[in-house]
Amino acid sequence: MQFRYLYLALTIVFDSLGIAFLNKAEGTTHLRFLALGLLLLNMGLVSLSYTLKYMDVTIANTTFAGVSSVLIAAIGYYWFGERYSMFQYCCLALVLFGLAGLHLTGVSK
């Protein structure tokens, strides 16, 4: 049963890094970053399919989407120099509170 968290973590990492590399690709300007980004996104989808063997789709997809969003915001801040307003930070915190609430109510399967 602990595999669900391993596969979910891999899904989140692969997806977040894939999106970061797609941003670095600047469309099709840098094909190496494009190829790496697409490879990582596909690895994330495969990992998500394994996650769904052990978790309900609602919990798995919501966790994947929420944590990936927060991780992408952190990558954007540190790697791409993006800056956010206090309101945007509050919205990211609400995402994390919502995820905590979902997990407190239970993870099935």
Protein backbone atom coordinates (compact mmCIF):
# COMPACT_ATOMS: atom_id res chain seq x y z
CA MET A 1 0.00 0.00 0.00
CA GLN A 2 2.92 2.38 0.51
CA PHE A 3 3.58 2.26 -3.22
CA ARG A 4 0.69 4.66 -3.71
CA TYR A 5 2.68 7.48 -2.13
CA LEU A 6 5.84 6.59 -4.03
CA TYR A 7 4.02 6.53 -7.37
CA LEU A 8 2.13 9.71 -6.50
CA ALA A 9 5.38 11.48 -5.58
CA LEU A 10 6.98 10.34 -8.83
CA THR A 11 3.95 11.60 -10.76
CA ILE A 12 4.23 15.01 -9.12
CA VAL A 13 7.99 15.32 -9.67
CA PHE A 14 7.90 14.11 -13.29
CA ASP A 15 4.99 16.38 -14.17
CA SER A 16 6.44 19.46 -12.50
CA LEU A 17 9.87 19.03 -14.05
CA GLY A 18 8.29 18.27 -17.43
CA ILE A 19 6.35 21.52 -17.38
CA ALA A 20 9.46 23.43 -16.29
CA PHE A 21 11.42 22.01 -19.22
CA LEU A 22 8.59 22.83 -21.61
CA ASN A 23 8.82 26.41 -20.41
CA LYS A 24 12.58 26.36 -21.05
CA ALA A 25 11.93 24.99 -24.56
CA GLU A 26 10.18 28.24 -25.55
CA GLY A 27 7.85 26.47 -27.95
CA THR A 28 10.09 24.56 -30.35
CA THR A 29 13.10 26.87 -30.06
CA HIS A 30 15.13 24.49 -27.87
CA LEU A 31 14.34 20.96 -29.01
CA ARG A 32 16.38 19.27 -26.26
CA PHE A 33 14.29 20.91 -23.55
CA LEU A 34 11.12 20.11 -25.50
CA ALA A 35 12.06 16.42 -25.82
CA LEU A 36 13.04 16.18 -22.15
CA GLY A 37 9.84 17.91 -21.06
CA LEU A 38 7.65 15.58 -23.13
CA LEU A 39 9.54 12.53 -21.85
CA LEU A 40 9.06 13.62 -18.23
CA LEU A 41 5.36 14.34 -18.77
CA ASN A 42 4.88 10.87 -20.27
CA MET A 43 6.75 9.29 -17.37
CA GLY A 44 4.42 11.19 -15.05
CA LEU A 45 1.37 9.79 -16.81
CA VAL A 46 2.69 6.24 -16.52
CA SER A 47 3.38 6.81 -12.84
CA LEU A 48 -0.13 8.23 -12.41
CA SER A 49 -1.59 5.08 -13.94
CA TYR A 50 0.26 3.02 -11.30
CA THR A 51 -0.95 5.40 -8.58
CA LEU A 52 -4.55 4.77 -9.62
CA LYS A 53 -4.11 1.06 -8.83
CA TYR A 54 -3.79 2.01 -5.15
CA MET A 55 -5.77 5.25 -4.74
CA ASP A 56 -9.18 6.59 -5.70
CA VAL A 57 -8.99 8.76 -8.79
CA THR A 58 -10.47 11.78 -6.99
CA ILE A 59 -7.83 11.81 -4.26
CA ALA A 60 -4.93 10.91 -6.57
CA ASN A 61 -5.73 13.45 -9.29
CA THR A 62 -6.57 16.25 -6.87
CA THR A 63 -3.36 15.67 -4.93
CA PHE A 64 -1.31 15.44 -8.10
CA ALA A 65 -2.82 18.63 -9.54
CA GLY A 66 -2.63 20.63 -6.31
CA VAL A 67 0.89 19.71 -5.24
CA SER A 68 2.14 20.05 -8.82
CA SER A 69 0.68 23.57 -8.97
CA VAL A 70 2.46 24.59 -5.79
CA LEU A 71 5.71 22.95 -6.93
CA ILE A 72 5.48 24.65 -10.33
CA ALA A 73 4.99 27.99 -8.55
CA ALA A 74 8.16 27.32 -6.53
CA ILE A 75 10.09 26.32 -9.66
CA GLY A 76 8.83 29.46 -11.40
CA TYR A 77 9.98 31.57 -8.48
CA TYR A 78 13.47 30.07 -8.11
CA TRP A 79 14.30 28.94 -11.66
CA PHE A 80 12.49 31.51 -13.81
CA GLY A 81 12.45 34.52 -11.49
CA GLU A 82 8.67 34.80 -11.43
CA ARG A 83 7.22 36.91 -8.61
CA TYR A 84 3.80 36.55 -6.99
CA SER A 85 1.51 38.85 -5.05
CA MET A 86 0.45 38.19 -1.47
CA PHE A 87 -3.00 37.22 -2.77
CA GLN A 88 -1.44 34.58 -5.02
CA TYR A 89 0.53 33.16 -2.08
CA CYS A 90 -2.72 32.97 -0.09
CA CYS A 91 -4.39 31.10 -2.95
CA LEU A 92 -1.52 28.58 -3.05
CA ALA A 93 -1.91 28.11 0.72
CA LEU A 94 -5.62 27.41 0.21
CA VAL A 95 -4.71 24.68 -2.26
CA LEU A 96 -2.52 23.05 0.38
CA PHE A 97 -5.23 23.37 3.07
CA GLY A 98 -7.73 21.76 0.70
CA LEU A 99 -5.38 18.86 0.02
CA ALA A 100 -4.83 18.36 3.75
CA GLY A 101 -8.59 18.27 4.24
CA LEU A 102 -9.02 15.64 1.55
CA HIS A 103 -6.36 13.43 3.08
CA LEU A 104 -7.76 13.82 6.59
CA THR A 105 -11.06 12.40 5.35
CA GLY A 106 -9.30 9.25 4.14
CA VAL A 107 -7.55 7.70 1.18
CA SER A 108 -9.48 4.69 -0.11
CA LYS A 109 -8.69 1.56 -2.12
